Amino acid sequence: PEFIHEARDASDEYKLMYEQHNDLIRRVAEETGAYFYDFALDMPTDAEYFTDGRHMSREGNGLRGKLFGTFIIDNIFNKSDD
């Protein structure tokens, strides 16, 4: 939302496309039992994490790595075999 000068990224169509894309991936994961991490829920949208609204900055990539790493450790490596 902080990159309103990037018309494509701020458009309702672009946002809807990403919502539909994420919903599809979520459904496939549920149907197949695959791991699913909803990165969009955890990643802040502050301008410091992006270069143009789509591509991440150095800070954004660092945070992305930490978020995915935490998900993997918590949900895959530390998963108990109940």
N, C-alpha and C. Protein backbone atom coordinates (compact mmCIF):
# COMPACT_ATOMS: atom_id res chain seq x y z
N PRO A 1 0.80 -1.23 0.00
CA PRO A 1 0.00 0.00 0.00
C PRO A 1 0.83 1.27 0.00
N GLU A 2 2.11 1.17 0.37
CA GLU A 2 2.96 2.36 0.40
C GLU A 2 3.55 2.70 -0.97
N PHE A 3 3.28 1.88 -1.96
CA PHE A 3 3.85 2.10 -3.30
C PHE A 3 2.73 2.43 -4.28
N ILE A 4 1.97 3.45 -3.97
CA ILE A 4 0.84 3.80 -4.81
C ILE A 4 1.27 4.33 -6.18
N HIS A 5 2.52 4.75 -6.29
CA HIS A 5 3.03 5.21 -7.58
C HIS A 5 3.24 4.05 -8.55
N GLU A 6 3.26 2.84 -8.03
CA GLU A 6 3.38 1.64 -8.87
C GLU A 6 1.96 1.19 -9.21
N ALA A 7 1.39 1.74 -10.23
CA ALA A 7 -0.03 1.53 -10.53
C ALA A 7 -0.41 0.05 -10.61
N ARG A 8 0.40 -0.75 -11.24
CA ARG A 8 0.06 -2.16 -11.39
C ARG A 8 0.00 -2.85 -10.04
N ASP A 9 0.98 -2.61 -9.19
CA ASP A 9 1.04 -3.27 -7.90
C ASP A 9 -0.06 -2.82 -6.95
N ALA A 10 -0.53 -1.61 -7.11
CA ALA A 10 -1.55 -1.07 -6.22
C ALA A 10 -2.96 -1.30 -6.76
N SER A 11 -3.08 -1.86 -7.95
CA SER A 11 -4.40 -2.01 -8.57
C SER A 11 -5.22 -3.09 -7.87
N ASP A 12 -6.52 -2.92 -7.91
CA ASP A 12 -7.42 -3.92 -7.32
C ASP A 12 -7.27 -5.26 -8.02
N GLU A 13 -7.03 -5.24 -9.33
CA GLU A 13 -6.87 -6.48 -10.09
C GLU A 13 -5.62 -7.25 -9.64
N TYR A 14 -4.56 -6.54 -9.40
CA TYR A 14 -3.31 -7.16 -8.98
C TYR A 14 -3.47 -7.79 -7.60
N LYS A 15 -4.10 -7.06 -6.70
CA LYS A 15 -4.33 -7.57 -5.34
C LYS A 15 -5.24 -8.80 -5.38
N LEU A 16 -6.29 -8.75 -6.19
CA LEU A 16 -7.21 -9.87 -6.32
C LEU A 16 -6.49 -11.09 -6.88
N MET A 17 -5.63 -10.89 -7.87
CA MET A 17 -4.88 -11.99 -8.46
C MET A 17 -4.04 -12.69 -7.40
N TYR A 18 -3.38 -11.93 -6.54
CA TYR A 18 -2.57 -12.55 -5.49
C TYR A 18 -3.42 -13.27 -4.47
N GLU A 19 -4.58 -12.73 -4.13
CA GLU A 19 -5.49 -13.42 -3.20
C GLU A 19 -5.95 -14.75 -3.79
N GLN A 20 -6.31 -14.74 -5.06
CA GLN A 20 -6.76 -15.97 -5.71
C GLN A 20 -5.62 -16.98 -5.81
N HIS A 21 -4.44 -16.51 -6.12
CA HIS A 21 -3.26 -17.37 -6.22
C HIS A 21 -2.99 -18.03 -4.87
N ASN A 22 -3.01 -17.24 -3.81
CA ASN A 22 -2.74 -17.78 -2.48
C ASN A 22 -3.83 -18.76 -2.03
N ASP A 23 -5.08 -18.47 -2.35
CA ASP A 23 -6.18 -19.38 -2.01
C ASP A 23 -6.02 -20.72 -2.72
N LEU A 24 -5.60 -20.69 -3.98
CA LEU A 24 -5.40 -21.92 -4.73
C LEU A 24 -4.29 -22.76 -4.10
N ILE A 25 -3.19 -22.13 -3.77
CA ILE A 25 -2.08 -22.86 -3.15
C ILE A 25 -2.51 -23.44 -1.81
N ARG A 26 -3.26 -22.68 -1.03
CA ARG A 26 -3.75 -23.17 0.26
C ARG A 26 -4.63 -24.41 0.06
N ARG A 27 -5.55 -24.36 -0.91
CA ARG A 27 -6.43 -25.50 -1.16
C ARG A 27 -5.65 -26.74 -1.61
N VAL A 28 -4.67 -26.54 -2.47
CA VAL A 28 -3.86 -27.67 -2.93
C VAL A 28 -3.12 -28.29 -1.74
N ALA A 29 -2.58 -27.47 -0.86
CA ALA A 29 -1.88 -27.98 0.31
C ALA A 29 -2.83 -28.77 1.21
N GLU A 30 -4.02 -28.24 1.41
CA GLU A 30 -5.00 -28.94 2.25
C GLU A 30 -5.38 -30.29 1.63
N GLU A 31 -5.58 -30.31 0.33
CA GLU A 31 -6.01 -31.54 -0.35
C GLU A 31 -4.90 -32.58 -0.41
N THR A 32 -3.66 -32.16 -0.45
CA THR A 32 -2.54 -33.09 -0.60
C THR A 32 -1.81 -33.37 0.70
N GLY A 33 -2.10 -32.59 1.73
CA GLY A 33 -1.39 -32.76 2.99
C GLY A 33 -0.01 -32.11 3.00
N ALA A 34 0.26 -31.29 2.00
CA ALA A 34 1.56 -30.61 1.92
C ALA A 34 1.64 -29.50 2.98
N TYR A 35 2.83 -29.18 3.38
CA TYR A 35 3.01 -28.06 4.29
C TYR A 35 2.62 -26.78 3.58
N PHE A 36 2.04 -25.88 4.34
CA PHE A 36 1.64 -24.59 3.78
C PHE A 36 1.99 -23.50 4.77
N TYR A 37 2.69 -22.50 4.30
CA TYR A 37 3.02 -21.34 5.13
C TYR A 37 2.41 -20.11 4.49
N ASP A 38 1.52 -19.45 5.20
CA ASP A 38 0.87 -18.25 4.68
C ASP A 38 1.78 -17.06 4.97
N PHE A 39 2.77 -16.92 4.14
CA PHE A 39 3.78 -15.88 4.27
C PHE A 39 3.16 -14.49 4.27
N ALA A 40 2.12 -14.30 3.48
CA ALA A 40 1.48 -12.98 3.38
C ALA A 40 0.91 -12.52 4.72
N LEU A 41 0.52 -13.46 5.58
CA LEU A 41 -0.02 -13.07 6.89
C LEU A 41 1.06 -12.51 7.82
N ASP A 42 2.29 -13.00 7.67
CA ASP A 42 3.37 -12.61 8.58
C ASP A 42 4.27 -11.50 8.07
N MET A 43 4.37 -11.35 6.75
CA MET A 43 5.29 -10.37 6.19
C MET A 43 4.70 -8.97 6.25
N PRO A 44 5.38 -8.05 6.94
CA PRO A 44 4.89 -6.67 6.96
C PRO A 44 4.95 -6.06 5.56
N THR A 45 4.12 -5.07 5.33
CA THR A 45 4.10 -4.42 4.03
C THR A 45 4.78 -3.06 4.06
N ASP A 46 5.56 -2.79 5.09
CA ASP A 46 6.26 -1.52 5.21
C ASP A 46 7.24 -1.33 4.04
N ALA A 47 7.34 -0.11 3.59
CA ALA A 47 8.19 0.20 2.43
C ALA A 47 9.64 -0.23 2.62
N GLU A 48 10.14 -0.25 3.83
CA GLU A 48 11.55 -0.62 4.06
C GLU A 48 11.85 -2.05 3.62
N TYR A 49 10.84 -2.90 3.50
CA TYR A 49 11.05 -4.29 3.13
C TYR A 49 10.94 -4.54 1.63
N PHE A 50 10.62 -3.50 0.86
CA PHE A 50 10.42 -3.66 -0.57
C PHE A 50 11.13 -2.55 -1.33
N THR A 51 11.49 -2.86 -2.56
CA THR A 51 12.13 -1.84 -3.40
C THR A 51 11.12 -1.12 -4.27
N ASP A 52 10.00 -1.82 -4.60
CA ASP A 52 9.03 -1.24 -5.52
C ASP A 52 7.61 -1.73 -5.29
N GLY A 53 7.34 -2.38 -4.21
CA GLY A 53 6.01 -2.91 -3.96
C GLY A 53 5.89 -4.40 -4.24
N ARG A 54 6.79 -4.93 -5.04
CA ARG A 54 6.80 -6.36 -5.35
C ARG A 54 8.11 -7.02 -4.95
N HIS A 55 9.20 -6.39 -5.28
CA HIS A 55 10.51 -6.97 -5.04
C HIS A 55 11.02 -6.53 -3.67
N MET A 56 11.61 -7.48 -2.97
CA MET A 56 12.06 -7.20 -1.61
C MET A 56 13.43 -6.54 -1.57
N SER A 57 13.58 -5.72 -0.57
CA SER A 57 14.87 -5.09 -0.31
C SER A 57 15.76 -6.09 0.45
N ARG A 58 16.95 -5.68 0.74
CA ARG A 58 17.87 -6.52 1.52
C ARG A 58 17.22 -6.87 2.87
N GLU A 59 16.60 -5.88 3.50
CA GLU A 59 15.94 -6.09 4.79
C GLU A 59 14.76 -7.05 4.63
N GLY A 60 14.01 -6.87 3.55
CA GLY A 60 12.87 -7.74 3.29
C GLY A 60 13.29 -9.18 3.06
N ASN A 61 14.36 -9.38 2.30
CA ASN A 61 14.84 -10.74 2.06
C ASN A 61 15.37 -11.37 3.34
N GLY A 62 16.00 -10.59 4.18
CA GLY A 62 16.47 -11.11 5.46
C GLY A 62 15.32 -11.56 6.33
N LEU A 63 14.28 -10.74 6.41
CA LEU A 63 13.12 -11.09 7.21
C LEU A 63 12.41 -12.30 6.60
N ARG A 64 12.30 -12.34 5.29
CA ARG A 64 11.66 -13.48 4.63
C ARG A 64 12.38 -14.78 4.99
N GLY A 65 13.69 -14.76 4.96
CA GLY A 65 14.47 -15.95 5.33
C GLY A 65 14.21 -16.37 6.77
N LYS A 66 14.14 -15.40 7.66
CA LYS A 66 13.86 -15.72 9.07
C LYS A 66 12.46 -16.31 9.25
N LEU A 67 11.48 -15.72 8.57
CA LEU A 67 10.11 -16.21 8.70
C LEU A 67 9.97 -17.64 8.16
N PHE A 68 10.53 -17.88 6.97
CA PHE A 68 10.45 -19.23 6.42
C PHE A 68 11.25 -20.22 7.26
N GLY A 69 12.42 -19.80 7.71
CA GLY A 69 13.23 -20.67 8.56
C GLY A 69 12.51 -21.05 9.84
N THR A 70 11.86 -20.10 10.46
CA THR A 70 11.11 -20.37 11.68
C THR A 70 9.98 -21.35 11.41
N PHE A 71 9.26 -21.14 10.29
CA PHE A 71 8.18 -22.06 9.95
C PHE A 71 8.71 -23.48 9.76
N ILE A 72 9.81 -23.61 9.03
CA ILE A 72 10.37 -24.93 8.77
C ILE A 72 10.81 -25.60 10.06
N ILE A 73 11.52 -24.87 10.89
CA ILE A 73 11.99 -25.45 12.15
C ILE A 73 10.81 -25.85 13.04
N ASP A 74 9.84 -24.95 13.18
CA ASP A 74 8.70 -25.21 14.07
C ASP A 74 7.77 -26.30 13.57
N ASN A 75 7.59 -26.40 12.25
CA ASN A 75 6.59 -27.30 11.72
C ASN A 75 7.14 -28.59 11.10
N ILE A 76 8.40 -28.61 10.78
CA ILE A 76 8.95 -29.79 10.13
C ILE A 76 10.01 -30.46 11.01
N PHE A 77 11.03 -29.70 11.40
CA PHE A 77 12.11 -30.31 12.17
C PHE A 77 11.72 -30.58 13.60
N ASN A 78 10.90 -29.77 14.19
CA ASN A 78 10.51 -29.96 15.59
C ASN A 78 9.15 -30.64 15.73
N LYS A 79 8.63 -31.15 14.65
CA LYS A 79 7.33 -31.82 14.69
C LYS A 79 7.49 -33.17 15.39
N SER A 80 6.62 -33.39 16.35
CA SER A 80 6.69 -34.68 17.04
C SER A 80 5.93 -35.71 16.22
N ASP A 81 6.29 -36.95 16.38
CA ASP A 81 5.64 -38.05 15.66
C ASP A 81 4.53 -38.64 16.51
N ASP A 82 3.53 -37.80 16.79
CA ASP A 82 2.40 -38.22 17.65
C ASP A 82 1.76 -39.48 17.17
